């Protein structure tokens, strides 16, 4: 997901990751796009789908979505664990009931257990919804719905982890 060329539109990935636009696979500075696991309450799926769309078509946001889009059960937990392991960061879409959702709380806990950074993103800028307790306890960063701000947090986490 993310970036891409539409007509004559300039790709964003080469600018963000220091790639040559003509031959990115030959660049010594090649850095893969971050793999982002998006954790969210199903009632907020429309906002999350908007984020996914924006990550595909934005000059401000560049990541690959590693979320599991299955029901919450044991198979789901196994899939989530593998996807979170493969992810660079977990982004929690914070809406009205996110802090009470068992699946979201499980994903946050699993990310912390696996040593993955967790970033919260408020999906409604005009609301101050409750941040999940696990995120507060770990001092996880929370940003507003701002593509540049979210990408900057992802980039800072990637840089911290080498």
Protein backbone atom coordinates (compact mmCIF):
# COMPACT_ATOMS: atom_id res chain seq x y z
CA UNK A 1 0.00 0.00 0.00
CA UNK A 2 0.96 3.62 -0.18
CA UNK A 3 2.44 5.94 -2.75
CA UNK A 4 2.32 4.75 -6.30
CA UNK A 5 2.17 6.61 -9.57
CA UNK A 6 -0.96 8.09 -11.00
CA UNK A 7 -0.29 9.79 -14.31
CA UNK A 8 2.59 12.20 -13.88
CA UNK A 9 2.29 12.37 -10.11
CA UNK A 10 5.62 12.20 -8.34
CA UNK A 11 6.09 9.24 -6.06
CA UNK A 12 6.45 10.11 -2.40
CA UNK A 13 8.48 7.07 -1.30
CA UNK A 14 11.66 8.18 -3.12
CA UNK A 15 11.59 11.52 -1.28
CA UNK A 16 10.84 10.05 2.15
CA UNK A 17 13.25 7.11 1.90
CA UNK A 18 16.03 8.68 -0.16
CA UNK A 19 15.46 6.53 -3.23
CA UNK A 20 16.30 7.28 -6.81
CA UNK A 21 13.00 7.63 -8.69
CA UNK A 22 14.46 5.96 -11.77
CA UNK A 23 15.93 2.85 -10.13
CA UNK A 24 14.85 2.45 -6.51
CA UNK A 25 15.91 -1.20 -6.39
CA UNK A 26 19.52 -0.17 -7.12
CA UNK A 27 19.74 2.55 -4.48
CA UNK A 28 22.10 1.80 -1.60
CA UNK A 29 19.94 3.96 0.66
CA UNK A 30 16.82 1.83 0.05
CA UNK A 31 14.60 1.61 3.11
CA UNK A 32 11.44 -0.48 2.88
CA UNK A 33 8.13 1.11 3.74
CA UNK A 34 7.14 0.62 7.37
CA UNK A 35 4.76 -2.25 8.00
CA UNK A 36 1.92 -0.88 10.09
CA UNK A 37 -0.55 -3.00 12.00
CA UNK A 38 -3.70 -0.91 12.48
CA UNK A 39 -5.64 -1.76 15.63
CA UNK A 40 -9.22 -0.53 15.77
CA UNK A 41 -12.76 -1.12 16.98
CA UNK A 42 -14.96 -2.46 14.15
CA UNK A 43 -17.41 0.42 14.58
CA UNK A 44 -14.56 2.70 13.46
CA UNK A 45 -13.81 0.72 10.30
CA UNK A 46 -14.93 3.54 7.99
CA UNK A 47 -12.33 5.92 9.46
CA UNK A 48 -9.69 3.18 9.27
CA UNK A 49 -10.61 2.46 5.64
CA UNK A 50 -10.16 6.17 4.96
CA UNK A 51 -6.68 5.97 6.53
CA UNK A 52 -5.88 2.94 4.36
CA UNK A 53 -7.08 4.81 1.27
CA UNK A 54 -5.03 7.85 2.22
CA UNK A 55 -1.94 5.70 2.75
CA UNK A 56 -2.33 4.39 -0.81
CA UNK A 57 -2.94 7.75 -2.43
CA UNK A 58 -1.14 10.30 -0.28
CA UNK A 59 2.05 12.24 -0.71
CA UNK A 60 2.15 12.51 3.10
CA UNK A 61 1.76 8.94 4.33
CA UNK A 62 3.64 5.82 3.25
CA UNK A 63 3.18 2.40 4.84
CA UNK A 64 2.05 -1.15 4.24
CA UNK A 65 -1.05 -2.23 6.21
CA UNK A 66 -0.43 -5.50 8.05
CA UNK A 67 -3.77 -5.65 9.88
CA UNK A 68 -5.79 -8.85 10.19
CA UNK A 69 -9.34 -8.37 8.95
CA UNK A 70 -10.86 -11.49 10.54
CA UNK A 71 -13.13 -12.18 13.56
CA UNK A 72 -11.67 -12.19 17.09
CA UNK A 73 -10.99 -15.87 17.99
CA UNK A 74 -8.00 -18.19 18.57
CA UNK A 75 -7.15 -18.37 14.85
CA UNK A 76 -7.31 -14.58 14.74
CA UNK A 77 -4.93 -14.32 17.72
CA UNK A 78 -2.42 -16.57 15.96
CA UNK A 79 -2.66 -14.50 12.77
CA UNK A 80 -2.40 -11.25 14.70
CA UNK A 81 0.65 -12.40 16.61
CA UNK A 82 2.42 -13.24 13.34
CA UNK A 83 1.39 -9.97 11.69
CA UNK A 84 2.41 -7.89 14.69
CA UNK A 85 5.80 -9.69 14.75
CA UNK A 86 6.26 -8.76 11.07
CA UNK A 87 5.14 -5.16 11.60
CA UNK A 88 7.32 -2.16 12.29
CA UNK A 89 4.74 -0.41 14.45
CA UNK A 90 1.19 -0.78 15.78
CA UNK A 91 -1.10 2.20 15.17
CA UNK A 92 -4.20 2.32 17.34
CA UNK A 93 -7.14 4.19 15.80
CA UNK A 94 -8.66 5.84 18.87
CA UNK A 95 -12.41 6.34 18.74
CA UNK A 96 -15.17 6.52 21.33
CA UNK A 97 -15.08 2.88 22.53
CA UNK A 98 -11.56 1.82 21.53
CA UNK A 99 -10.36 1.80 25.13
CA UNK A 100 -13.00 -0.86 26.03
CA UNK A 101 -12.56 -3.27 23.12
CA UNK A 102 -11.08 -6.64 24.06
CA UNK A 103 -9.43 -7.22 20.67
CA UNK A 104 -7.77 -3.80 20.61
CA UNK A 105 -6.50 -4.20 24.17
CA UNK A 106 -5.16 -7.66 23.28
CA UNK A 107 -3.33 -6.24 20.21
CA UNK A 108 -1.77 -3.42 22.25
CA UNK A 109 -0.63 -5.88 24.93
CA UNK A 110 0.81 -8.24 22.30
CA UNK A 111 2.69 -5.39 20.58
CA UNK A 112 4.23 -4.35 23.90
CA UNK A 113 5.16 -7.99 24.68
CA UNK A 114 6.87 -8.23 21.30
CA UNK A 115 8.71 -4.92 21.80
CA UNK A 116 6.87 -3.16 18.99
CA UNK A 117 6.24 0.57 19.21
CA UNK A 118 2.62 1.65 19.64
CA UNK A 119 1.28 4.96 18.33
CA UNK A 120 -2.25 6.15 18.97
CA UNK A 121 -4.11 8.25 16.43
CA UNK A 122 -7.29 10.10 17.31
CA UNK A 123 -9.69 9.37 14.45
CA UNK A 124 -11.84 12.41 15.23
CA UNK A 125 -9.91 15.64 15.76
CA UNK A 126 -12.81 17.32 17.50
CA UNK A 127 -13.14 14.56 20.14
CA UNK A 128 -10.98 13.70 23.12
CA UNK A 129 -11.75 9.97 23.35
CA UNK A 130 -10.21 7.91 26.13
CA UNK A 131 -6.77 6.49 25.40
CA UNK A 132 -6.47 2.77 26.26
CA UNK A 133 -4.93 2.30 29.72
CA UNK A 134 -2.08 0.10 28.39
CA UNK A 135 -0.99 2.93 26.10
CA UNK A 136 -1.03 5.46 28.94
CA UNK A 137 0.94 3.06 31.18
CA UNK A 138 3.63 2.60 28.52
CA UNK A 139 3.77 6.30 27.64
CA UNK A 140 2.83 5.62 24.02
CA UNK A 141 2.55 8.68 21.81
CA UNK A 142 -0.87 9.83 20.56
CA UNK A 143 -1.29 12.06 17.52
CA UNK A 144 -4.29 13.72 15.95
CA UNK A 145 -5.63 12.73 12.53
CA UNK A 146 -2.88 14.45 10.63
CA UNK A 147 -1.05 12.45 7.97
CA UNK A 148 2.23 14.32 8.35
CA UNK A 149 2.17 13.96 12.14
CA UNK A 150 1.41 10.23 11.93
CA UNK A 151 4.13 9.65 9.32
CA UNK A 152 6.63 11.64 11.40
CA UNK A 153 5.89 9.47 14.46
CA UNK A 154 6.27 6.30 12.39
CA UNK A 155 9.55 7.60 10.94
CA UNK A 156 10.87 8.50 14.40
CA UNK A 157 10.07 5.00 15.68
CA UNK A 158 11.77 3.45 12.65
CA UNK A 159 14.85 5.61 13.22
CA UNK A 160 14.98 4.72 16.95
CA UNK A 161 14.93 1.04 16.12
CA UNK A 162 17.53 1.29 13.38
